[in-house]
Each structure stands twice: as structure tokens, then as C-alpha cells.
Amino acid sequence: MVGLLFQNFISFAYTNSSATPQSQVQFQPLISYTLGHGWYVKSADSTWTVNLRHGTSTTMPISLGFGRVWKFEGPELNAWVSGEWTAYRQYTNITPMCTVRFGLTLLFPNVEL
């Protein structure tokens, strides 16, 4: 699976004349590959943030993780772990260089009413 989530945040309708205008673009690349027997690898947890005003921050992290889905009689259980490394940053004061994420999702089957 390959995908991309794109968001563009802009400010408008200023109510405060001293407020700084905002313009930010966020990209979230999504890549996932099924290995079989419930296992998968993914790169879908990092969000690239680009502020479009001069002298504002830009961060571009890269993530890689793996997970497994267990199927039971009723619900399914999805457990995963991923790591993230900030490959590029500019004009940022505080940005984590490395991040580790753990996740657990309980998937309930469709219930007919």
C-alpha cells in the first residue's frame, strides 16, 4: 500500500492585528507491505512539516516499523512498533532527533443489526 496525506493550513480572518500570518504544509507519506502470516512492515508514522513563511521551521522525519495482526474468533489484535529519525530540520528550537512508538489496536468485526 502506498499513499500520501496532504494538509495545507493557512490563517485568514484576522481578529488581532499583531498576529503573525500562518501558512504550513504537512505531508504524511504512507508505505506498508504485508510479509505474510500476519506480519507487515510500514513507514507511515512520520509527518513532514514545511512552514511557507521565510525563517520558519521545517522538519522531515523518516520512520520505519513492523507489526503483526492476530486473528481470533471475534476481534483482531494489531500490535506494532516503529522508530523515527529526523532527517532534516531547519529553524527549529526543540525537535526530537529519534522517536520510538508502540501501538496496540483492537479491531472489532462488523455486527449486523
PDB file of N, CA and C in Angstrom:
ATOM      1  N   MET A   1       0.847  -1.165   0.000  1.00  0.00           N
ATOM      2  CA  MET A   1       0.000   0.000   0.000  1.00  0.00           C
ATOM      3  C   MET A   1       0.895   1.232   0.000  1.00  0.00           C
ATOM      4  N   VAL A   2       0.586   2.165  -0.838  1.00  0.00           N
ATOM      5  CA  VAL A   2       1.309   3.428  -0.912  1.00  0.00           C
ATOM      6  C   VAL A   2       0.279   4.548  -0.913  1.00  0.00           C
ATOM      7  N   GLY A   3       0.524   5.578  -0.117  1.00  0.00           N
ATOM      8  CA  GLY A   3      -0.411   6.695  -0.063  1.00  0.00           C
ATOM      9  C   GLY A   3       0.270   7.951   0.437  1.00  0.00           C
ATOM     10  N   LEU A   4      -0.479   9.038   0.444  1.00  0.00           N
ATOM     11  CA  LEU A   4       0.031  10.324   0.905  1.00  0.00           C
ATOM     12  C   LEU A   4      -1.118  11.124   1.486  1.00  0.00           C
ATOM     13  N   LEU A   5      -0.927  11.629   2.690  1.00  0.00           N
ATOM     14  CA  LEU A   5      -1.883  12.540   3.314  1.00  0.00           C
ATOM     15  C   LEU A   5      -1.291  13.940   3.200  1.00  0.00           C
ATOM     16  N   PHE A   6      -2.043  14.866   2.630  1.00  0.00           N
ATOM     17  CA  PHE A   6      -1.584  16.234   2.394  1.00  0.00           C
ATOM     18  C   PHE A   6      -2.542  17.197   3.083  1.00  0.00           C
ATOM     19  N   GLN A   7      -1.989  18.120   3.885  1.00  0.00           N
ATOM     20  CA  GLN A   7      -2.804  19.137   4.538  1.00  0.00           C
ATOM     21  C   GLN A   7      -2.114  20.485   4.379  1.00  0.00           C
ATOM     22  N   ASN A   8      -2.897  21.537   4.131  1.00  0.00           N
ATOM     23  CA  ASN A   8      -2.362  22.882   3.999  1.00  0.00           C
ATOM     24  C   ASN A   8      -3.118  23.784   4.964  1.00  0.00           C
ATOM     25  N   PHE A   9      -2.411  24.305   5.951  1.00  0.00           N
ATOM     26  CA  PHE A   9      -3.011  25.168   6.962  1.00  0.00           C
ATOM     27  C   PHE A   9      -2.662  26.618   6.650  1.00  0.00           C
ATOM     28  N   ILE A  10      -3.666  27.463   6.553  1.00  0.00           N
ATOM     29  CA  ILE A  10      -3.444  28.890   6.319  1.00  0.00           C
ATOM     30  C   ILE A  10      -4.300  29.668   7.300  1.00  0.00           C
ATOM     31  N   SER A  11      -3.842  30.865   7.630  1.00  0.00           N
ATOM     32  CA  SER A  11      -4.630  31.716   8.518  1.00  0.00           C
ATOM     33  C   SER A  11      -5.408  32.729   7.687  1.00  0.00           C
ATOM     34  N   PHE A  12      -6.592  33.057   8.161  1.00  0.00           N
ATOM     35  CA  PHE A  12      -7.430  34.039   7.488  1.00  0.00           C
ATOM     36  C   PHE A  12      -8.341  34.668   8.535  1.00  0.00           C
ATOM     37  N   ALA A  13      -9.051  35.689   8.161  1.00  0.00           N
ATOM     38  CA  ALA A  13      -9.999  36.375   9.045  1.00  0.00           C
ATOM     39  C   ALA A  13      -9.309  36.825  10.335  1.00  0.00           C
ATOM     40  N   TYR A  14      -8.265  37.638  10.189  1.00  0.00           N
ATOM     41  CA  TYR A  14      -7.522  38.099  11.363  1.00  0.00           C
ATOM     42  C   TYR A  14      -8.402  38.951  12.270  1.00  0.00           C
ATOM     43  N   THR A  15      -8.399  38.621  13.540  1.00  0.00           N
ATOM     44  CA  THR A  15      -9.111  39.430  14.524  1.00  0.00           C
ATOM     45  C   THR A  15      -8.137  40.210  15.386  1.00  0.00           C
ATOM     46  N   ASN A  16      -6.840  39.885  15.256  1.00  0.00           N
ATOM     47  CA  ASN A  16      -5.818  40.560  16.031  1.00  0.00           C
ATOM     48  C   ASN A  16      -4.767  41.083  15.052  1.00  0.00           C
ATOM     49  N   SER A  17      -4.572  42.393  15.006  1.00  0.00           N
ATOM     50  CA  SER A  17      -3.642  42.968  14.042  1.00  0.00           C
ATOM     51  C   SER A  17      -2.190  42.610  14.327  1.00  0.00           C
ATOM     52  N   SER A  18      -1.865  42.198  15.553  1.00  0.00           N
ATOM     53  CA  SER A  18      -0.481  41.839  15.883  1.00  0.00           C
ATOM     54  C   SER A  18      -0.192  40.353  15.647  1.00  0.00           C
ATOM     55  N   ALA A  19      -1.185  39.574  15.228  1.00  0.00           N
ATOM     56  CA  ALA A  19      -0.992  38.137  14.989  1.00  0.00           C
ATOM     57  C   ALA A  19      -0.172  37.921  13.719  1.00  0.00           C
ATOM     58  N   THR A  20       0.738  36.954  13.759  1.00  0.00           N
ATOM     59  CA  THR A  20       1.562  36.614  12.604  1.00  0.00           C
ATOM     60  C   THR A  20       0.786  35.689  11.671  1.00  0.00           C
ATOM     61  N   PRO A  21       0.717  36.005  10.381  1.00  0.00           N
ATOM     62  CA  PRO A  21       0.030  35.114   9.441  1.00  0.00           C
ATOM     63  C   PRO A  21       0.711  33.741   9.398  1.00  0.00           C
ATOM     64  N   GLN A  22      -0.065  32.699   9.226  1.00  0.00           N
ATOM     65  CA  GLN A  22       0.444  31.336   9.216  1.00  0.00           C
ATOM     66  C   GLN A  22       0.179  30.685   7.865  1.00  0.00           C
ATOM     67  N   SER A  23       1.138  29.884   7.423  1.00  0.00           N
ATOM     68  CA  SER A  23       0.972  29.083   6.218  1.00  0.00           C
ATOM     69  C   SER A  23       1.866  27.863   6.351  1.00  0.00           C
ATOM     70  N   GLN A  24       1.262  26.710   6.536  1.00  0.00           N
ATOM     71  CA  GLN A  24       2.006  25.487   6.811  1.00  0.00           C
ATOM     72  C   GLN A  24       1.465  24.341   5.960  1.00  0.00           C
ATOM     73  N   VAL A  25       2.375  23.551   5.417  1.00  0.00           N
ATOM     74  CA  VAL A  25       2.013  22.370   4.641  1.00  0.00           C
ATOM     75  C   VAL A  25       2.527  21.145   5.373  1.00  0.00           C
ATOM     76  N   GLN A  26       1.685  20.121   5.483  1.00  0.00           N
ATOM     77  CA  GLN A  26       2.083  18.858   6.104  1.00  0.00           C
ATOM     78  C   GLN A  26       1.864  17.719   5.118  1.00  0.00           C
ATOM     79  N   PHE A  27       2.884  16.882   4.980  1.00  0.00           N
ATOM     80  CA  PHE A  27       2.830  15.678   4.152  1.00  0.00           C
ATOM     81  C   PHE A  27       3.039  14.481   5.065  1.00  0.00           C
ATOM     82  N   GLN A  28       2.259  13.445   4.892  1.00  0.00           N
ATOM     83  CA  GLN A  28       2.479  12.200   5.617  1.00  0.00           C
ATOM     84  C   GLN A  28       2.539  11.068   4.602  1.00  0.00           C
ATOM     85  N   PRO A  29       3.765  10.652   4.223  1.00  0.00           N
ATOM     86  CA  PRO A  29       3.882   9.533   3.288  1.00  0.00           C
ATOM     87  C   PRO A  29       3.525   8.221   3.985  1.00  0.00           C
ATOM     88  N   LEU A  30       2.789   7.362   3.300  1.00  0.00           N
ATOM     89  CA  LEU A  30       2.321   6.098   3.863  1.00  0.00           C
ATOM     90  C   LEU A  30       2.776   4.952   2.966  1.00  0.00           C
ATOM     91  N   ILE A  31       3.568   4.055   3.520  1.00  0.00           N
ATOM     92  CA  ILE A  31       4.011   2.862   2.793  1.00  0.00           C
ATOM     93  C   ILE A  31       3.864   1.676   3.731  1.00  0.00           C
ATOM     94  N   SER A  32       3.239   0.618   3.241  1.00  0.00           N
ATOM     95  CA  SER A  32       3.050  -0.590   4.040  1.00  0.00           C
ATOM     96  C   SER A  32       3.167  -1.805   3.125  1.00  0.00           C
ATOM     97  N   TYR A  33       3.815  -2.854   3.623  1.00  0.00           N
ATOM     98  CA  TYR A  33       3.984  -4.071   2.833  1.00  0.00           C
ATOM     99  C   TYR A  33       3.696  -5.280   3.713  1.00  0.00           C
ATOM    100  N   THR A  34       2.816  -6.150   3.263  1.00  0.00           N
ATOM    101  CA  THR A  34       2.455  -7.355   4.006  1.00  0.00           C
ATOM    102  C   THR A  34       3.478  -8.453   3.736  1.00  0.00           C
ATOM    103  N   LEU A  35       4.023  -9.034   4.814  1.00  0.00           N
ATOM    104  CA  LEU A  35       5.034 -10.086   4.690  1.00  0.00           C
ATOM    105  C   LEU A  35       4.422 -11.484   4.710  1.00  0.00           C
ATOM    106  N   GLY A  36       3.243 -11.622   5.261  1.00  0.00           N
ATOM    107  CA  GLY A  36       2.600 -12.924   5.386  1.00  0.00           C
ATOM    108  C   GLY A  36       2.535 -13.374   6.834  1.00  0.00           C
ATOM    109  N   HIS A  37       1.634 -14.309   7.127  1.00  0.00           N
ATOM    110  CA  HIS A  37       1.421 -14.845   8.474  1.00  0.00           C
ATOM    111  C   HIS A  37       1.101 -13.739   9.477  1.00  0.00           C
ATOM    112  N   GLY A  38       0.465 -12.653   9.016  1.00  0.00           N
ATOM    113  CA  GLY A  38       0.068 -11.555   9.882  1.00  0.00           C
ATOM    114  C   GLY A  38       1.115 -10.466  10.070  1.00  0.00           C
ATOM    115  N   TRP A  39       2.314 -10.645   9.573  1.00  0.00           N
ATOM    116  CA  TRP A  39       3.396  -9.667   9.750  1.00  0.00           C
ATOM    117  C   TRP A  39       3.385  -8.631   8.627  1.00  0.00           C
ATOM    118  N   TYR A  40       3.814  -7.411   8.948  1.00  0.00           N
ATOM    119  CA  TYR A  40       3.930  -6.354   7.952  1.00  0.00           C
ATOM    120  C   TYR A  40       5.031  -5.367   8.361  1.00  0.00           C
ATOM    121  N   VAL A  41       5.550  -4.648   7.391  1.00  0.00           N
ATOM    122  CA  VAL A  41       6.469  -3.537   7.642  1.00  0.00           C
ATOM    123  C   VAL A  41       5.787  -2.270   7.148  1.00  0.00           C
ATOM    124  N   LYS A  42       6.154  -1.153   7.764  1.00  0.00           N
ATOM    125  CA  LYS A  42       5.479   0.092   7.408  1.00  0.00           C
ATOM    126  C   LYS A  42       6.386   1.288   7.614  1.00  0.00           C
ATOM    127  N   SER A  43       6.077   2.337   6.896  1.00  0.00           N
ATOM    128  CA  SER A  43       6.674   3.651   7.087  1.00  0.00           C
ATOM    129  C   SER A  43       5.536   4.647   6.941  1.00  0.00           C
ATOM    130  N   ALA A  44       4.815   4.853   8.026  1.00  0.00           N
ATOM    131  CA  ALA A  44       3.606   5.668   7.928  1.00  0.00           C
ATOM    132  C   ALA A  44       3.409   6.581   9.131  1.00  0.00           C
ATOM    133  N   ASP A  45       4.402   6.723   9.992  1.00  0.00           N
ATOM    134  CA  ASP A  45       4.213   7.484  11.225  1.00  0.00           C
ATOM    135  C   ASP A  45       4.823   8.877  11.195  1.00  0.00           C
ATOM    136  N   SER A  46       5.606   9.188  10.188  1.00  0.00           N
ATOM    137  CA  SER A  46       6.267  10.494  10.167  1.00  0.00           C
ATOM    138  C   SER A  46       5.450  11.511   9.375  1.00  0.00           C
ATOM    139  N   THR A  47       5.465  12.748   9.849  1.00  0.00           N
ATOM    140  CA  THR A  47       4.781  13.845   9.176  1.00  0.00           C
ATOM    141  C   THR A  47       5.798  14.927   8.863  1.00  0.00           C
ATOM    142  N   TRP A  48       5.939  15.248   7.593  1.00  0.00           N
ATOM    143  CA  TRP A  48       6.850  16.312   7.163  1.00  0.00           C
ATOM    144  C   TRP A  48       6.102  17.636   7.270  1.00  0.00           C
ATOM    145  N   THR A  49       6.699  18.594   7.958  1.00  0.00           N
ATOM    146  CA  THR A  49       6.077  19.893   8.171  1.00  0.00           C
ATOM    147  C   THR A  49       6.932  20.978   7.534  1.00  0.00           C
ATOM    148  N   VAL A  50       6.338  21.744   6.641  1.00  0.00           N
ATOM    149  CA  VAL A  50       7.023  22.839   5.962  1.00  0.00           C
ATOM    150  C   VAL A  50       6.211  24.103   6.171  1.00  0.00           C
ATOM    151  N   ASN A  51       6.788  25.065   6.882  1.00  0.00           N
ATOM    152  CA  ASN A  51       6.153  26.372   7.034  1.00  0.00           C
ATOM    153  C   ASN A  51       6.588  27.239   5.869  1.00  0.00           C
ATOM    154  N   LEU A  52       5.656  27.878   5.214  1.00  0.00           N
ATOM    155  CA  LEU A  52       5.932  28.583   3.966  1.00  0.00           C
ATOM    156  C   LEU A  52       6.337  30.039   4.146  1.00  0.00           C
ATOM    157  N   ARG A  53       6.446  30.511   5.357  1.00  0.00           N
ATOM    158  CA  ARG A  53       6.900  31.876   5.599  1.00  0.00           C
ATOM    159  C   ARG A  53       8.407  31.855   5.819  1.00  0.00           C
ATOM    160  N   HIS A  54       9.114  32.869   5.341  1.00  0.00           N
ATOM    161  CA  HIS A  54      10.578  32.956   5.432  1.00  0.00           C
ATOM    162  C   HIS A  54      11.032  32.904   6.896  1.00  0.00           C
ATOM    163  N   GLY A  55      12.023  32.062   7.172  1.00  0.00           N
ATOM    164  CA  GLY A  55      12.604  31.955   8.505  1.00  0.00           C
ATOM    165  C   GLY A  55      11.806  31.118   9.480  1.00  0.00           C
ATOM    166  N   THR A  56      10.830  30.346   9.006  1.00  0.00           N
ATOM    167  CA  THR A  56      10.041  29.493   9.890  1.00  0.00           C
ATOM    168  C   THR A  56      10.501  28.043   9.749  1.00  0.00           C
ATOM    169  N   SER A  57      10.039  27.210  10.633  1.00  0.00           N
ATOM    170  CA  SER A  57      10.588  25.860  10.774  1.00  0.00           C
ATOM    171  C   SER A  57      10.154  24.890   9.672  1.00  0.00           C
ATOM    172  N   THR A  58      11.046  23.932   9.415  1.00  0.00           N
ATOM    173  CA  THR A  58      10.796  22.813   8.509  1.00  0.00           C
ATOM    174  C   THR A  58      11.380  21.564   9.155  1.00  0.00           C
ATOM    175  N   THR A  59      10.594  20.491   9.227  1.00  0.00           N
ATOM    176  CA  THR A  59      11.092  19.210   9.740  1.00  0.00           C
ATOM    177  C   THR A  59      10.662  18.093   8.806  1.00  0.00           C
ATOM    178  N   MET A  60      11.574  17.145   8.566  1.00  0.00           N
ATOM    179  CA  MET A  60      11.286  15.998   7.715  1.00  0.00           C
ATOM    180  C   MET A  60      11.838  14.732   8.366  1.00  0.00           C
ATOM    181  N   PRO A  61      11.005  14.044   9.152  1.00  0.00           N
ATOM    182  CA  PRO A  61      11.431  12.784   9.760  1.00  0.00           C
ATOM    183  C   PRO A  61      11.172  11.591   8.835  1.00  0.00           C
ATOM    184  N   ILE A  62      11.878  10.508   9.095  1.00  0.00           N
ATOM    185  CA  ILE A  62      11.720   9.245   8.362  1.00  0.00           C
ATOM    186  C   ILE A  62      11.388   8.165   9.386  1.00  0.00           C
ATOM    187  N   SER A  63      10.392   7.336   9.093  1.00  0.00           N
ATOM    188  CA  SER A  63      10.008   6.284  10.033  1.00  0.00           C
ATOM    189  C   SER A  63      10.084   4.913   9.373  1.00  0.00           C
ATOM    190  N   LEU A  64      10.285   3.918  10.210  1.00  0.00           N
ATOM    191  CA  LEU A  64      10.288   2.522   9.772  1.00  0.00           C
ATOM    192  C   LEU A  64       9.826   1.668  10.942  1.00  0.00           C
ATOM    193  N   GLY A  65       8.906   0.751  10.672  1.00  0.00           N
ATOM    194  CA  GLY A  65       8.397  -0.092  11.748  1.00  0.00           C
ATOM    195  C   GLY A  65       7.870  -1.407  11.224  1.00  0.00           C
ATOM    196  N   PHE A  66       7.470  -2.241  12.162  1.00  0.00           N
ATOM    197  CA  PHE A  66       6.883  -3.529  11.805  1.00  0.00           C
ATOM    198  C   PHE A  66       5.777  -3.842  12.799  1.00  0.00           C
ATOM    199  N   GLY A  67       4.908  -4.756  12.395  1.00  0.00           N
ATOM    200  CA  GLY A  67       3.801  -5.128  13.262  1.00  0.00           C
ATOM    201  C   GLY A  67       3.242  -6.478  12.874  1.00  0.00           C
ATOM    202  N   ARG A  68       2.284  -6.907  13.677  1.00  0.00           N
ATOM    203  CA  ARG A  68       1.643  -8.192  13.419  1.00  0.00           C
ATOM    204  C   ARG A  68       0.170  -8.090  13.790  1.00  0.00           C
ATOM    205  N   VAL A  69      -0.661  -8.770  13.009  1.00  0.00           N
ATOM    206  CA  VAL A  69      -2.097  -8.845  13.270  1.00  0.00           C
ATOM    207  C   VAL A  69      -2.420 -10.273  13.678  1.00  0.00           C
ATOM    208  N   TRP A  70      -3.066 -10.428  14.836  1.00  0.00           N
ATOM    209  CA  TRP A  70      -3.529 -11.738  15.300  1.00  0.00           C
ATOM    210  C   TRP A  70      -5.037 -11.793  15.130  1.00  0.00           C
ATOM    211  N   LYS A  71      -5.516 -12.863  14.506  1.00  0.00           N
ATOM    212  CA  LYS A  71      -6.946 -13.031  14.298  1.00  0.00           C
ATOM    213  C   LYS A  71      -7.475 -14.050  15.295  1.00  0.00           C
ATOM    214  N   PHE A  72      -8.500 -13.630  16.023  1.00  0.00           N
ATOM    215  CA  PHE A  72      -9.172 -14.502  16.974  1.00  0.00           C
ATOM    216  C   PHE A  72     -10.585 -14.773  16.466  1.00  0.00           C
ATOM    217  N   GLU A  73     -11.376 -15.478  17.231  1.00  0.00           N
ATOM    218  CA  GLU A  73     -12.733 -15.799  16.807  1.00  0.00           C
ATOM    219  C   GLU A  73     -13.582 -14.547  16.642  1.00  0.00           C
ATOM    220  N   GLY A  74     -13.418 -13.559  17.503  1.00  0.00           N
ATOM    221  CA  GLY A  74     -14.181 -12.309  17.401  1.00  0.00           C
ATOM    222  C   GLY A  74     -13.305 -11.186  16.871  1.00  0.00           C
ATOM    223  N   PRO A  75     -12.659 -10.457  17.778  1.00  0.00           N
ATOM    224  CA  PRO A  75     -11.855  -9.310  17.345  1.00  0.00           C
ATOM    225  C   PRO A  75     -10.473  -9.718  16.831  1.00  0.00           C
ATOM    226  N   GLU A  76      -9.821  -8.772  16.174  1.00  0.00           N
ATOM    227  CA  GLU A  76      -8.440  -8.945  15.748  1.00  0.00           C
ATOM    228  C   GLU A  76      -7.576  -7.987  16.561  1.00  0.00           C
ATOM    229  N   LEU A  77      -6.320  -8.338  16.758  1.00  0.00           N
ATOM    230  CA  LEU A  77      -5.393  -7.537  17.538  1.00  0.00           C
ATOM    231  C   LEU A  77      -4.225  -7.134  16.651  1.00  0.00           C
ATOM    232  N   ASN A  78      -3.953  -5.846  16.556  1.00  0.00           N
ATOM    233  CA  ASN A  78      -2.859  -5.326  15.755  1.00  0.00           C
ATOM    234  C   ASN A  78      -1.855  -4.669  16.700  1.00  0.00           C
ATOM    235  N   ALA A  79      -0.626  -5.178  16.752  1.00  0.00           N
ATOM    236  CA  ALA A  79       0.434  -4.620  17.586  1.00  0.00           C
ATOM    237  C   ALA A  79       1.596  -4.218  16.690  1.00  0.00           C
ATOM    238  N   TRP A  80       2.197  -3.046  16.952  1.00  0.00           N
ATOM    239  CA  TRP A  80       3.282  -2.577  16.110  1.00  0.00           C
ATOM    240  C   TRP A  80       4.266  -1.736  16.909  1.00  0.00           C
ATOM    241  N   VAL A  81       5.457  -1.594  16.365  1.00  0.00           N
ATOM    242  CA  VAL A  81       6.490  -0.720  16.912  1.00  0.00           C
ATOM    243  C   VAL A  81       7.176  -0.050  15.723  1.00  0.00           C
ATOM    244  N   SER A  82       7.505   1.216  15.880  1.00  0.00           N
ATOM    245  CA  SER A  82       8.200   1.925  14.805  1.00  0.00           C
ATOM    246  C   SER A  82       9.170   2.937  15.398  1.00  0.00           C
ATOM    247  N   GLY A  83      10.204   3.220  14.640  1.00  0.00           N
ATOM    248  CA  GLY A  83      11.183   4.220  15.022  1.00  0.00           C
ATOM    249  C   GLY A  83      11.164   5.356  14.026  1.00  0.00           C
ATOM    250  N   GLU A  84      11.512   6.538  14.498  1.00  0.00           N
ATOM    251  CA  GLU A  84      11.509   7.710  13.637  1.00  0.00           C
ATOM    252  C   GLU A  84      12.790   8.498  13.862  1.00  0.00           C
ATOM    253  N   TRP A  85      13.394   8.951  12.780  1.00  0.00           N
ATOM    254  CA  TRP A  85      14.614   9.746  12.837  1.00  0.00           C
ATOM    255  C   TRP A  85      14.380  11.021  12.042  1.00  0.00           C
ATOM    256  N   THR A  86      14.720  12.163  12.624  1.00  0.00           N
ATOM    257  CA  THR A  86      14.553  13.438  11.932  1.00  0.00           C
ATOM    258  C   THR A  86      15.719  13.625  10.977  1.00  0.00           C
ATOM    259  N   ALA A  87      15.460  13.443   9.691  1.00  0.00           N
ATOM    260  CA  ALA A  87      16.498  13.517   8.669  1.00  0.00           C
ATOM    261  C   ALA A  87      16.861  14.951   8.330  1.00  0.00           C
ATOM    262  N   TYR A  88      15.901  15.874   8.414  1.00  0.00           N
ATOM    263  CA  TYR A  88      16.161  17.277   8.068  1.00  0.00           C
ATOM    264  C   TYR A  88      15.365  18.175   8.984  1.00  0.00           C
ATOM    265  N   ARG A  89      16.012  19.211   9.475  1.00  0.00           N
ATOM    266  CA  ARG A  89      15.314  20.232  10.255  1.00  0.00           C
ATOM    267  C   ARG A  89      15.990  21.570  10.030  1.00  0.00           C
ATOM    268  N   GLN A  90      15.174  22.616  10.016  1.00  0.00           N
ATOM    269  CA  GLN A  90      15.683  23.956   9.788  1.00  0.00           C
ATOM    270  C   GLN A  90      14.857  24.942  10.606  1.00  0.00           C
ATOM    271  N   TYR A  91      15.510  25.872  11.261  1.00  0.00           N
ATOM    272  CA  TYR A  91      14.878  26.916  12.061  1.00  0.00           C
ATOM    273  C   TYR A  91      13.986  26.358  13.163  1.00  0.00           C
ATOM    274  N   THR A  92      14.387  25.251  13.768  1.00  0.00           N
ATOM    275  CA  THR A  92      13.610  24.688  14.874  1.00  0.00           C
ATOM    276  C   THR A  92      14.430  24.761  16.153  1.00  0.00           C
ATOM    277  N   ASN A  93      13.794  25.108  17.233  1.00  0.00           N
ATOM    278  CA  ASN A  93      14.481  25.168  18.522  1.00  0.00           C
ATOM    279  C   ASN A  93      14.505  23.811  19.203  1.00  0.00           C
ATOM    280  N   ILE A  94      13.343  23.202  19.324  1.00  0.00           N
ATOM    281  CA  ILE A  94      13.238  21.915  20.014  1.00  0.00           C
ATOM    282  C   ILE A  94      12.586  20.920  19.067  1.00  0.00           C
ATOM    283  N   THR A  95      13.368  19.936  18.630  1.00  0.00           N
ATOM    284  CA  THR A  95      12.869  18.879  17.758  1.00  0.00           C
ATOM    285  C   THR A  95      13.524  17.573  18.177  1.00  0.00           C
ATOM    286  N   PRO A  96      12.738  16.535  18.488  1.00  0.00           N
ATOM    287  CA  PRO A  96      13.361  15.257  18.829  1.00  0.00           C
ATOM    288  C   PRO A  96      14.063  14.657  17.617  1.00  0.00           C
ATOM    289  N   MET A  97      15.272  14.168  17.812  1.00  0.00           N
ATOM    290  CA  MET A  97      16.020  13.553  16.713  1.00  0.00           C
ATOM    291  C   MET A  97      15.573  12.111  16.483  1.00  0.00           C
ATOM    292  N   CYS A  98      15.238  11.399  17.559  1.00  0.00           N
ATOM    293  CA  CYS A  98      14.803   9.997  17.458  1.00  0.00           C
ATOM    294  C   CYS A  98      13.558   9.789  18.306  1.00  0.00           C
ATOM    295  N   THR A  99      12.642   9.006  17.785  1.00  0.00           N
ATOM    296  CA  THR A  99      11.400   8.694  18.488  1.00  0.00           C
ATOM    297  C   THR A  99      11.085   7.220  18.297  1.00  0.00           C
ATOM    298  N   VAL A 100      10.573   6.575  19.334  1.00  0.00           N
ATOM    299  CA  VAL A 100      10.106   5.190  19.242  1.00  0.00           C
ATOM    300  C   VAL A 100       8.639   5.183  19.638  1.00  0.00           C
ATOM    301  N   ARG A 101       7.822   4.527  18.812  1.00  0.00           N
ATOM    302  CA  ARG A 101       6.387   4.445  19.071  1.00  0.00           C
ATOM    303  C   ARG A 101       5.959   2.988  19.171  1.00  0.00           C
ATOM    304  N   PHE A 102       5.028   2.736  20.089  1.00  0.00           N
ATOM    305  CA  PHE A 102       4.411   1.423  20.238  1.00  0.00           C
ATOM    306  C   PHE A 102       2.912   1.600  20.072  1.00  0.00           C
ATOM    307  N   GLY A 103       2.272   0.649  19.445  1.00  0.00           N
ATOM    308  CA  GLY A 103       0.835   0.757  19.255  1.00  0.00           C
ATOM    309  C   GLY A 103       0.136  -0.581  19.396  1.00  0.00           C
ATOM    310  N   LEU A 104      -1.093  -0.516  19.851  1.00  0.00           N
ATOM    311  CA  LEU A 104      -1.924  -1.699  20.005  1.00  0.00           C
ATOM    312  C   LEU A 104      -3.348  -1.301  19.627  1.00  0.00           C
ATOM    313  N   THR A 105      -3.912  -2.001  18.657  1.00  0.00           N
ATOM    314  CA  THR A 105      -5.259  -1.698  18.183  1.00  0.00           C
ATOM    315  C   THR A 105      -6.114  -2.944  18.262  1.00  0.00           C
ATOM    316  N   LEU A 106      -7.290  -2.804  18.809  1.00  0.00           N
ATOM    317  CA  LEU A 106      -8.254  -3.902  18.872  1.00  0.00           C
ATOM    318  C   LEU A 106      -9.286  -3.649  17.771  1.00  0.00           C
ATOM    319  N   LEU A 107      -9.379  -4.579  16.824  1.00  0.00           N
ATOM    320  CA  LEU A 107     -10.275  -4.434  15.669  1.00  0.00           C
ATOM    321  C   LEU A 107     -11.507  -5.309  15.895  1.00  0.00           C
ATOM    322  N   PHE A 108     -12.664  -4.685  15.981  1.00  0.00           N
ATOM    323  CA  PHE A 108     -13.905  -5.422  16.197  1.00  0.00           C
ATOM    324  C   PHE A 108     -14.550  -5.749  14.851  1.00  0.00           C
ATOM    325  N   PRO A 109     -15.128  -6.935  14.721  1.00  0.00           N
ATOM    326  CA  PRO A 109     -15.783  -7.308  13.465  1.00  0.00           C
ATOM    327  C   PRO A 109     -17.080  -6.524  13.291  1.00  0.00           C
ATOM    328  N   ASN A 110     -17.555  -6.452  12.048  1.00  0.00           N
ATOM    329  CA  ASN A 110     -18.835  -5.803  11.767  1.00  0.00           C
ATOM    330  C   ASN A 110     -19.946  -6.592  12.408  1.00  0.00           C
ATOM    331  N   VAL A 111     -20.880  -5.896  13.017  1.00  0.00           N
ATOM    332  CA  VAL A 111     -22.018  -6.530  13.669  1.00  0.00           C
ATOM    333  C   VAL A 111     -23.278  -6.131  12.905  1.00  0.00           C
ATOM    334  N   GLU A 112     -24.005  -7.096  12.422  1.00  0.00           N
ATOM    335  CA  GLU A 112     -25.274  -6.833  11.724  1.00  0.00           C
ATOM    336  C   GLU A 112     -26.360  -6.547  12.753  1.00  0.00           C
ATOM    337  N   LEU A 113     -27.104  -5.481  12.539  1.00  0.00           N
ATOM    338  CA  LEU A 113     -28.197  -5.142  13.466  1.00  0.00           C
ATOM    339  C   LEU A 113     -29.525  -5.570  12.912  1.00  0.00           C
TER     340      LEU A 113
END
